[in-house]
C-alpha atoms as a PDB file:
ATOM      1  CA  MET A   1      -8.145   6.751  15.934  1.00  0.00           C
ATOM      2  CA  THR A   2      -8.621   8.349  12.555  1.00  0.00           C
ATOM      3  CA  SER A   3      -7.088  11.278  11.298  1.00  0.00           C
ATOM      4  CA  LYS A   4     -10.429  12.964  11.400  1.00  0.00           C
ATOM      5  CA  ILE A   5     -11.183  12.442  14.996  1.00  0.00           C
ATOM      6  CA  GLU A   6      -8.071  13.180  15.990  1.00  0.00           C
ATOM      7  CA  PRO A   7      -9.150  17.008  16.206  1.00  0.00           C
ATOM      8  CA  LEU A   8     -12.576  16.473  17.232  1.00  0.00           C
ATOM      9  CA  LEU A   9     -11.187  15.010  20.436  1.00  0.00           C
ATOM     10  CA  GLN A  10      -8.965  17.961  20.929  1.00  0.00           C
ATOM     11  CA  GLN A  11     -12.368  20.349  20.852  1.00  0.00           C
ATOM     12  CA  ILE A  12     -13.595  18.713  23.531  1.00  0.00           C
ATOM     13  CA  VAL A  13     -10.363  18.292  25.935  1.00  0.00           C
ATOM     14  CA  ASP A  14      -9.837  22.254  24.918  1.00  0.00           C
ATOM     15  CA  LYS A  15     -13.466  23.267  26.070  1.00  0.00           C
ATOM     16  CA  GLN A  16     -13.019  21.821  29.540  1.00  0.00           C
ATOM     17  CA  PRO A  17     -12.841  24.157  32.446  1.00  0.00           C
ATOM     18  CA  TYR A  18     -10.342  22.824  34.168  1.00  0.00           C
ATOM     19  CA  PRO A  19      -6.884  21.963  33.914  1.00  0.00           C
ATOM     20  CA  LEU A  20      -6.545  18.801  32.321  1.00  0.00           C
ATOM     21  CA  ILE A  21      -3.804  16.167  33.706  1.00  0.00           C
ATOM     22  CA  PHE A  22      -4.734  13.569  31.442  1.00  0.00           C
ATOM     23  CA  ALA A  23      -7.210  12.462  29.203  1.00  0.00           C
ATOM     24  CA  SER A  24      -7.207   9.018  27.138  1.00  0.00           C
ATOM     25  CA  LEU A  25      -9.772   6.918  25.391  1.00  0.00           C
ATOM     26  CA  SER A  26     -11.370   3.998  26.827  1.00  0.00           C
ATOM     27  CA  GLY A  27     -14.235   1.567  26.204  1.00  0.00           C
ATOM     28  CA  ALA A  28     -14.281  -0.329  22.640  1.00  0.00           C
ATOM     29  CA  HIS A  29     -11.228   1.616  21.642  1.00  0.00           C
ATOM     30  CA  LEU A  30      -9.334   0.505  24.520  1.00  0.00           C
ATOM     31  CA  TYR A  31     -10.922  -2.453  24.849  1.00  0.00           C
ATOM     32  CA  GLY A  32     -10.032  -3.669  20.773  1.00  0.00           C
ATOM     33  CA  PHE A  33     -13.453  -4.020  19.504  1.00  0.00           C
ATOM     34  CA  PRO A  34     -14.717  -0.767  18.380  1.00  0.00           C
ATOM     35  CA  SER A  35     -17.015  -0.963  15.212  1.00  0.00           C
ATOM     36  CA  SER A  36     -18.029   2.344  13.025  1.00  0.00           C
ATOM     37  CA  ASP A  37     -21.117   2.939  15.511  1.00  0.00           C
ATOM     38  CA  SER A  38     -18.985   3.090  18.543  1.00  0.00           C
ATOM     39  CA  ASP A  39     -18.970   6.323  20.304  1.00  0.00           C
ATOM     40  CA  TYR A  40     -15.241   7.805  21.688  1.00  0.00           C
ATOM     41  CA  ASP A  41     -15.431   7.404  25.208  1.00  0.00           C
ATOM     42  CA  LEU A  42     -12.699  10.095  27.109  1.00  0.00           C
ATOM     43  CA  ARG A  43     -11.568   9.530  30.509  1.00  0.00           C
ATOM     44  CA  GLY A  44      -9.394  11.540  32.637  1.00  0.00           C
ATOM     45  CA  VAL A  45      -8.346  13.996  35.475  1.00  0.00           C
ATOM     46  CA  HIS A  46      -8.666  17.447  36.124  1.00  0.00           C
ATOM     47  CA  CYS A  47      -7.509  19.605  38.984  1.00  0.00           C
ATOM     48  CA  LEU A  48     -10.145  21.891  40.937  1.00  0.00           C
ATOM     49  CA  PRO A  49      -8.806  25.347  41.869  1.00  0.00           C
ATOM     50  CA  LEU A  50      -7.032  25.488  45.724  1.00  0.00           C
ATOM     51  CA  LYS A  51     -10.037  27.866  46.020  1.00  0.00           C
ATOM     52  CA  THR A  52     -13.165  25.832  45.506  1.00  0.00           C
ATOM     53  CA  VAL A  53     -11.043  22.477  47.465  1.00  0.00           C
ATOM     54  CA  ILE A  54     -10.381  24.528  50.484  1.00  0.00           C
ATOM     55  CA  GLY A  55     -13.963  26.194  50.530  1.00  0.00           C
ATOM     56  CA  LEU A  56     -16.753  24.351  52.268  1.00  0.00           C
ATOM     57  CA  ASP A  57     -18.162  23.193  48.919  1.00  0.00           C
ATOM     58  CA  ASP A  58     -16.433  20.297  46.943  1.00  0.00           C
ATOM     59  CA  GLY A  59     -16.948  21.526  43.474  1.00  0.00           C
ATOM     60  CA  GLU A  60     -17.030  19.566  40.358  1.00  0.00           C
ATOM     61  CA  LEU A  61     -15.283  16.236  41.403  1.00  0.00           C
ATOM     62  CA  THR A  62     -16.712  14.612  38.683  1.00  0.00           C
ATOM     63  CA  ARG A  63     -17.630  16.002  35.246  1.00  0.00           C
ATOM     64  CA  ASP A  64     -19.624  14.192  32.689  1.00  0.00           C
ATOM     65  CA  SER A  65     -20.524  15.423  29.240  1.00  0.00           C
ATOM     66  CA  MET A  66     -21.381  14.133  25.776  1.00  0.00           C
ATOM     67  CA  SER A  67     -21.534  15.702  22.585  1.00  0.00           C
ATOM     68  CA  ILE A  68     -22.511  14.759  18.900  1.00  0.00           C
ATOM     69  CA  VAL A  69     -19.776  16.243  16.695  1.00  0.00           C
ATOM     70  CA  GLU A  70     -19.953  15.824  12.760  1.00  0.00           C
ATOM     71  CA  GLY A  71     -21.621  12.574  13.677  1.00  0.00           C
ATOM     72  CA  PHE A  72     -19.527  11.224  16.509  1.00  0.00           C
ATOM     73  CA  GLU A  73     -20.405  10.775  19.573  1.00  0.00           C
ATOM     74  CA  LEU A  74     -17.801  11.820  21.810  1.00  0.00           C
ATOM     75  CA  ASP A  75     -18.093  11.306  25.832  1.00  0.00           C
ATOM     76  CA  ILE A  76     -15.765  12.863  28.559  1.00  0.00           C
ATOM     77  CA  VAL A  77     -15.412  11.830  32.556  1.00  0.00           C
ATOM     78  CA  THR A  78     -13.320  13.477  34.333  1.00  0.00           C
ATOM     79  CA  HIS A  79     -12.657  13.345  38.417  1.00  0.00           C
ATOM     80  CA  ASP A  80     -10.635  15.593  39.679  1.00  0.00           C
ATOM     81  CA  ILE A  81      -7.060  14.640  41.351  1.00  0.00           C
ATOM     82  CA  LYS A  82      -8.604  13.847  45.160  1.00  0.00           C
ATOM     83  CA  THR A  83     -10.870  11.724  43.762  1.00  0.00           C
ATOM     84  CA  TYR A  84      -8.621  10.068  41.308  1.00  0.00           C
ATOM     85  CA  CYS A  85      -6.718   8.855  43.580  1.00  0.00           C
ATOM     86  CA  HIS A  86      -9.009   7.627  45.941  1.00  0.00           C
ATOM     87  CA  LEU A  87     -10.452   5.241  43.289  1.00  0.00           C
ATOM     88  CA  LEU A  88      -6.770   3.971  42.549  1.00  0.00           C
ATOM     89  CA  LEU A  89      -6.269   3.167  45.949  1.00  0.00           C
ATOM     90  CA  LYS A  90      -9.565   1.781  46.229  1.00  0.00           C
ATOM     91  CA  LYS A  91      -8.592  -0.908  43.550  1.00  0.00           C
ATOM     92  CA  ASN A  92     -10.635   0.587  41.027  1.00  0.00           C
ATOM     93  CA  GLY A  93      -9.705  -1.127  37.858  1.00  0.00           C
ATOM     94  CA  ASN A  94     -11.161   1.448  35.082  1.00  0.00           C
ATOM     95  CA  ALA A  95      -9.038   4.114  36.668  1.00  0.00           C
ATOM     96  CA  LEU A  96      -5.959   1.842  36.459  1.00  0.00           C
ATOM     97  CA  GLU A  97      -6.797   1.169  32.989  1.00  0.00           C
ATOM     98  CA  GLN A  98      -7.500   4.763  31.724  1.00  0.00           C
ATOM     99  CA  ILE A  99      -4.401   6.307  33.367  1.00  0.00           C
ATOM    100  CA  MET A 100      -2.424   3.145  31.066  1.00  0.00           C
ATOM    101  CA  SER A 101      -4.121   3.458  28.312  1.00  0.00           C
ATOM    102  CA  PRO A 102      -1.826   3.836  25.206  1.00  0.00           C
ATOM    103  CA  HIS A 103      -4.313   5.819  23.188  1.00  0.00           C
ATOM    104  CA  ILE A 104      -3.477   9.759  24.994  1.00  0.00           C
ATOM    105  CA  VAL A 105      -5.422  12.365  24.126  1.00  0.00           C
ATOM    106  CA  VAL A 106      -4.039  14.583  26.872  1.00  0.00           C
ATOM    107  CA  THR A 107      -1.175  14.199  28.346  1.00  0.00           C
ATOM    108  CA  SER A 108       1.413  16.473  31.096  1.00  0.00           C
ATOM    109  CA  PRO A 109       4.504  15.420  33.363  1.00  0.00           C
ATOM    110  CA  GLU A 110       2.328  14.801  35.761  1.00  0.00           C
ATOM    111  CA  HIS A 111       0.844  12.419  34.266  1.00  0.00           C
ATOM    112  CA  ASP A 112       4.272  10.615  33.591  1.00  0.00           C
ATOM    113  CA  ILE A 113       4.481  10.862  37.616  1.00  0.00           C
ATOM    114  CA  LEU A 114       1.040   9.399  38.326  1.00  0.00           C
ATOM    115  CA  ARG A 115       1.370   6.186  35.716  1.00  0.00           C
ATOM    116  CA  THR A 116       4.905   5.644  37.792  1.00  0.00           C
ATOM    117  CA  ILE A 117       3.013   5.878  41.588  1.00  0.00           C
ATOM    118  CA  ALA A 118      -0.108   4.144  40.265  1.00  0.00           C
ATOM    119  CA  GLN A 119       2.302   0.969  39.164  1.00  0.00           C
ATOM    120  CA  GLY A 120       3.407   0.586  43.069  1.00  0.00           C
ATOM    121  CA  CYS A 121      -0.680   1.138  44.064  1.00  0.00           C
ATOM    122  CA  ILE A 122      -1.540  -2.579  42.280  1.00  0.00           C
ATOM    123  CA  THR A 123      -2.642  -5.168  44.784  1.00  0.00           C
ATOM    124  CA  ARG A 124      -3.836  -8.598  44.659  1.00  0.00           C
ATOM    125  CA  TYR A 125      -7.096  -6.880  46.188  1.00  0.00           C
ATOM    126  CA  PHE A 126      -8.001  -5.727  42.220  1.00  0.00           C
ATOM    127  CA  ALA A 127      -8.932  -9.302  41.499  1.00  0.00           C
ATOM    128  CA  TYR A 128     -11.934  -8.258  43.197  1.00  0.00           C
ATOM    129  CA  HIS A 129     -12.943  -5.156  41.215  1.00  0.00           C
ATOM    130  CA  TYR A 130     -12.495  -7.517  37.869  1.00  0.00           C
ATOM    131  CA  LEU A 131     -14.813 -10.557  39.266  1.00  0.00           C
ATOM    132  CA  GLY A 132     -17.033  -7.944  40.140  1.00  0.00           C
ATOM    133  CA  PHE A 133     -17.430  -6.258  36.579  1.00  0.00           C
ATOM    134  CA  SER A 134     -17.746  -9.519  35.490  1.00  0.00           C
ATOM    135  CA  ARG A 135     -20.838 -10.908  37.334  1.00  0.00           C
ATOM    136  CA  ASN A 136     -22.525  -7.600  36.980  1.00  0.00           C
ATOM    137  CA  LYS A 137     -21.811  -7.603  33.360  1.00  0.00           C
ATOM    138  CA  TYR A 138     -23.072 -11.684  33.320  1.00  0.00           C
ATOM    139  CA  LYS A 139     -26.089 -10.576  34.896  1.00  0.00           C
ATOM    140  CA  GLU A 140     -26.891  -8.261  32.064  1.00  0.00           C
ATOM    141  CA  PHE A 141     -26.026 -10.684  29.615  1.00  0.00           C
ATOM    142  CA  SER A 142     -28.288 -13.306  31.207  1.00  0.00           C
ATOM    143  CA  ASN A 143     -31.605 -11.014  31.299  1.00  0.00           C
ATOM    144  CA  GLN A 144     -31.182  -9.650  27.450  1.00  0.00           C
ATOM    145  CA  SER A 145     -33.930 -11.170  24.980  1.00  0.00           C
ATOM    146  CA  GLU A 146     -31.625 -11.004  22.306  1.00  0.00           C
ATOM    147  CA  LYS A 147     -27.784 -12.078  23.583  1.00  0.00           C
ATOM    148  CA  ARG A 148     -25.617  -8.871  22.697  1.00  0.00           C
ATOM    149  CA  VAL A 149     -21.693  -9.816  21.279  1.00  0.00           C
ATOM    150  CA  LYS A 150     -20.664  -6.351  22.964  1.00  0.00           C
ATOM    151  CA  THR A 151     -22.086  -7.425  26.418  1.00  0.00           C
ATOM    152  CA  LEU A 152     -20.462 -10.957  26.417  1.00  0.00           C
ATOM    153  CA  LEU A 153     -17.101  -9.192  25.204  1.00  0.00           C
ATOM    154  CA  TYR A 154     -16.898  -7.316  27.854  1.00  0.00           C
ATOM    155  CA  ILE A 155     -17.301 -10.286  30.543  1.00  0.00           C
ATOM    156  CA  TYR A 156     -14.617 -12.241  28.527  1.00  0.00           C
ATOM    157  CA  ARG A 157     -12.369  -8.730  28.611  1.00  0.00           C
ATOM    158  CA  VAL A 158     -12.462  -8.153  32.130  1.00  0.00           C
ATOM    159  CA  LEU A 159     -11.742 -11.729  33.276  1.00  0.00           C
ATOM    160  CA  LEU A 160      -8.744 -12.059  31.006  1.00  0.00           C
ATOM    161  CA  THR A 161      -7.178  -8.022  32.038  1.00  0.00           C
ATOM    162  CA  GLY A 162      -8.090  -9.573  35.358  1.00  0.00           C
ATOM    163  CA  ILE A 163      -5.913 -13.158  35.100  1.00  0.00           C
ATOM    164  CA  TYR A 164      -3.424 -11.132  32.972  1.00  0.00           C
ATOM    165  CA  LEU A 165      -2.789  -8.112  36.237  1.00  0.00           C
ATOM    166  CA  MET A 166      -2.973 -11.002  38.647  1.00  0.00           C
ATOM    167  CA  LYS A 167      -0.168 -12.995  37.023  1.00  0.00           C
ATOM    168  CA  THR A 168       2.293 -10.664  35.388  1.00  0.00           C
ATOM    169  CA  GLY A 169       0.902  -7.245  37.286  1.00  0.00           C
ATOM    170  CA  ALA A 170       1.059  -5.552  34.112  1.00  0.00           C
ATOM    171  CA  VAL A 171      -2.291  -3.520  32.606  1.00  0.00           C
ATOM    172  CA  GLU A 172      -3.154  -4.674  29.676  1.00  0.00           C
ATOM    173  CA  ALA A 173      -6.925  -3.977  28.205  1.00  0.00           C
ATOM    174  CA  ASN A 174      -7.329  -4.273  24.713  1.00  0.00           C
ATOM    175  CA  LEU A 175      -8.503  -7.974  24.074  1.00  0.00           C
ATOM    176  CA  VAL A 176      -6.934  -8.652  20.919  1.00  0.00           C
ATOM    177  CA  TYR A 177      -3.769  -8.384  22.982  1.00  0.00           C
ATOM    178  CA  LEU A 178      -4.914 -10.696  25.592  1.00  0.00           C
ATOM    179  CA  ASN A 179      -6.050 -13.174  23.442  1.00  0.00           C
ATOM    180  CA  GLN A 180      -2.112 -13.380  22.068  1.00  0.00           C
ATOM    181  CA  GLU A 181      -1.169 -14.759  25.186  1.00  0.00           C
ATOM    182  CA  PHE A 182      -4.763 -16.812  25.999  1.00  0.00           C
ATOM    183  CA  LYS A 183      -5.144 -17.916  22.637  1.00  0.00           C
ATOM    184  CA  LEU A 184      -8.812 -18.632  23.016  1.00  0.00           C
ATOM    185  CA  SER A 185      -9.952 -19.108  19.031  1.00  0.00           C
ATOM    186  CA  TYR A 186     -13.456 -18.241  19.445  1.00  0.00           C
ATOM    187  CA  LEU A 187     -12.749 -14.428  21.088  1.00  0.00           C
ATOM    188  CA  ASP A 188     -11.378 -13.831  17.439  1.00  0.00           C
ATOM    189  CA  ASN A 189     -15.399 -14.806  16.047  1.00  0.00           C
ATOM    190  CA  LEU A 190     -16.661 -12.292  18.208  1.00  0.00           C
ATOM    191  CA  ILE A 191     -14.752  -9.769  17.855  1.00  0.00           C
ATOM    192  CA  ALA A 192     -15.237  -9.864  14.298  1.00  0.00           C
ATOM    193  CA  GLN A 193     -18.695 -10.188  14.382  1.00  0.00           C
ATOM    194  CA  LYS A 194     -18.849  -6.779  16.996  1.00  0.00           C
ATOM    195  CA  GLN A 195     -16.701  -4.554  14.678  1.00  0.00           C
ATOM    196  CA  GLU A 196     -18.870  -6.335  11.401  1.00  0.00           C
ATOM    197  CA  ASN A 197     -22.208  -5.608  12.901  1.00  0.00           C
ATOM    198  CA  GLY A 198     -21.890  -2.960  15.263  1.00  0.00           C
ATOM    199  CA  GLU A 199     -22.500  -2.168  18.989  1.00  0.00           C
ATOM    200  CA  LYS A 200     -26.325  -4.049  18.448  1.00  0.00           C
ATOM    201  CA  ALA A 201     -24.410  -7.100  17.140  1.00  0.00           C
ATOM    202  CA  ILE A 202     -26.871 -10.218  18.238  1.00  0.00           C
ATOM    203  CA  LEU A 203     -24.904 -13.838  18.618  1.00  0.00           C
ATOM    204  CA  GLN A 204     -25.885 -15.668  16.162  1.00  0.00           C
ATOM    205  CA  LYS A 205     -25.567 -19.898  15.584  1.00  0.00           C
ATOM    206  CA  THR A 206     -24.062 -19.498  19.397  1.00  0.00           C
ATOM    207  CA  ASP A 207     -24.256 -22.062  22.018  1.00  0.00           C
ATOM    208  CA  LEU A 208     -24.687 -19.881  25.307  1.00  0.00           C
ATOM    209  CA  THR A 209     -23.856 -22.833  27.637  1.00  0.00           C
ATOM    210  CA  PHE A 210     -20.956 -23.223  26.001  1.00  0.00           C
ATOM    211  CA  HIS A 211     -20.182 -19.516  26.988  1.00  0.00           C
ATOM    212  CA  ASP A 212     -21.690 -20.053  30.372  1.00  0.00           C
ATOM    213  CA  ASN A 213     -19.159 -22.670  31.017  1.00  0.00           C
ATOM    214  CA  GLU A 214     -16.391 -21.141  29.427  1.00  0.00           C
ATOM    215  CA  ILE A 215     -17.007 -17.673  32.030  1.00  0.00           C
ATOM    216  CA  SER A 216     -17.145 -20.239  34.878  1.00  0.00           C
ATOM    217  CA  ARG A 217     -13.898 -21.405  34.037  1.00  0.00           C
ATOM    218  CA  LEU A 218     -12.112 -18.055  33.490  1.00  0.00           C
ATOM    219  CA  THR A 219     -13.731 -16.948  36.913  1.00  0.00           C
ATOM    220  CA  ILE A 220     -12.338 -19.733  38.586  1.00  0.00           C
ATOM    221  CA  ILE A 221      -9.193 -18.857  36.816  1.00  0.00           C
ATOM    222  CA  LEU A 222      -9.108 -15.125  38.312  1.00  0.00           C
ATOM    223  CA  GLU A 223     -10.331 -16.503  41.820  1.00  0.00           C
ATOM    224  CA  ASP A 224      -6.929 -19.041  41.813  1.00  0.00           C
ATOM    225  CA  ALA A 225      -5.135 -16.461  40.100  1.00  0.00           C
ATOM    226  CA  HIS A 226      -5.964 -13.634  42.866  1.00  0.00           C
ATOM    227  CA  ASP A 227      -5.022 -16.345  45.488  1.00  0.00           C
ATOM    228  CA  THR A 228      -1.342 -17.351  44.258  1.00  0.00           C
ATOM    229  CA  THR A 229      -0.262 -14.001  43.098  1.00  0.00           C
ATOM    230  CA  SER A 230       2.670 -12.381  44.185  1.00  0.00           C
ATOM    231  CA  LEU A 231       1.227  -8.766  44.393  1.00  0.00           C
ATOM    232  CA  PRO A 232       1.063  -7.081  47.628  1.00  0.00           C
ATOM    233  CA  GLU A 233      -2.236  -6.459  49.770  1.00  0.00           C
ATOM    234  CA  ASN A 234      -1.356  -3.197  50.495  1.00  0.00           C
ATOM    235  CA  PRO A 235      -0.534   0.152  48.591  1.00  0.00           C
ATOM    236  CA  LEU A 236       2.908   0.570  48.376  1.00  0.00           C
ATOM    237  CA  GLU A 237       2.915   4.505  47.389  1.00  0.00           C
ATOM    238  CA  ARG A 238       0.014   5.781  49.496  1.00  0.00           C
ATOM    239  CA  GLU A 239       2.660   8.468  50.484  1.00  0.00           C
ATOM    240  CA  ALA A 240       3.491   9.365  46.963  1.00  0.00           C
ATOM    241  CA  PHE A 241       0.087   9.945  46.111  1.00  0.00           C
ATOM    242  CA  ASN A 242      -0.201  12.365  48.666  1.00  0.00           C
ATOM    243  CA  ASN A 243       3.245  14.277  47.945  1.00  0.00           C
ATOM    244  CA  TRP A 244       1.735  13.911  44.225  1.00  0.00           C
ATOM    245  CA  LEU A 245      -1.477  15.706  45.088  1.00  0.00           C
ATOM    246  CA  ILE A 246      -0.143  18.063  47.182  1.00  0.00           C
ATOM    247  CA  GLU A 247       2.452  19.499  44.353  1.00  0.00           C
ATOM    248  CA  THR A 248      -0.359  19.102  41.315  1.00  0.00           C
ATOM    249  CA  ARG A 249      -2.492  21.333  43.414  1.00  0.00           C
ATOM    250  CA  LEU A 250       0.214  23.930  44.204  1.00  0.00           C
ATOM    251  CA  THR A 251       1.084  23.909  40.345  1.00  0.00           C
ATOM    252  CA  TYR A 252      -2.603  24.039  38.793  1.00  0.00           C
ATOM    253  CA  GLY A 253      -4.891  24.650  41.152  1.00  0.00           C
ATOM    254  CA  ASN A 254      -4.354  28.661  41.631  1.00  0.00           C
END
């Protein structure tokens, strides 16, 4: 992050109507291939008031707002703490990456506890999230008349993140860091194209058959990694989630 954007992000989080347990940067800034025209995607967790959640109405389980401030597009999406716990228990890789993001804008003691608990809910079935995500992005890529570098990078990013998670149990969403492990030379070129030409960068002089084959190869590796991982089948921390949820609601929800 640049020094100019940090206070703008802080302005956005300060305007949120509910206490934030955490907010972190996601999107291209988390994935390691932001360009000068990339927007800033904030993701996090808020705590609804106790009076709201025990009433008939659910309240704002998810909040989504977008602002343009000093030329920067700033998007923030937050989930209520109960919704977020359910996302993690349902093997939602996006939620897992957001809580483990190193790009923290807002944190709290409860955030630190939640990170520890979340580590214990990582199971082999998170592979399905990454396989599904990559399939959807590949369909999007296939349907593009002009093939976007960004879409292709997203496909590679989720496949490598999934493989790495299955093999190590650790969350790594940054494609640059992942490629230090996987050493796929073509990724450096794709990232450079995206960073130089922006969000709408189009693939130039690219062998699409090569990328089709690579995506198929990595998909098979992810499927095999799911079959052979030492990760458990079921979350180990469901009770800890429940206790954290109650304590956090009582602390922040009054």
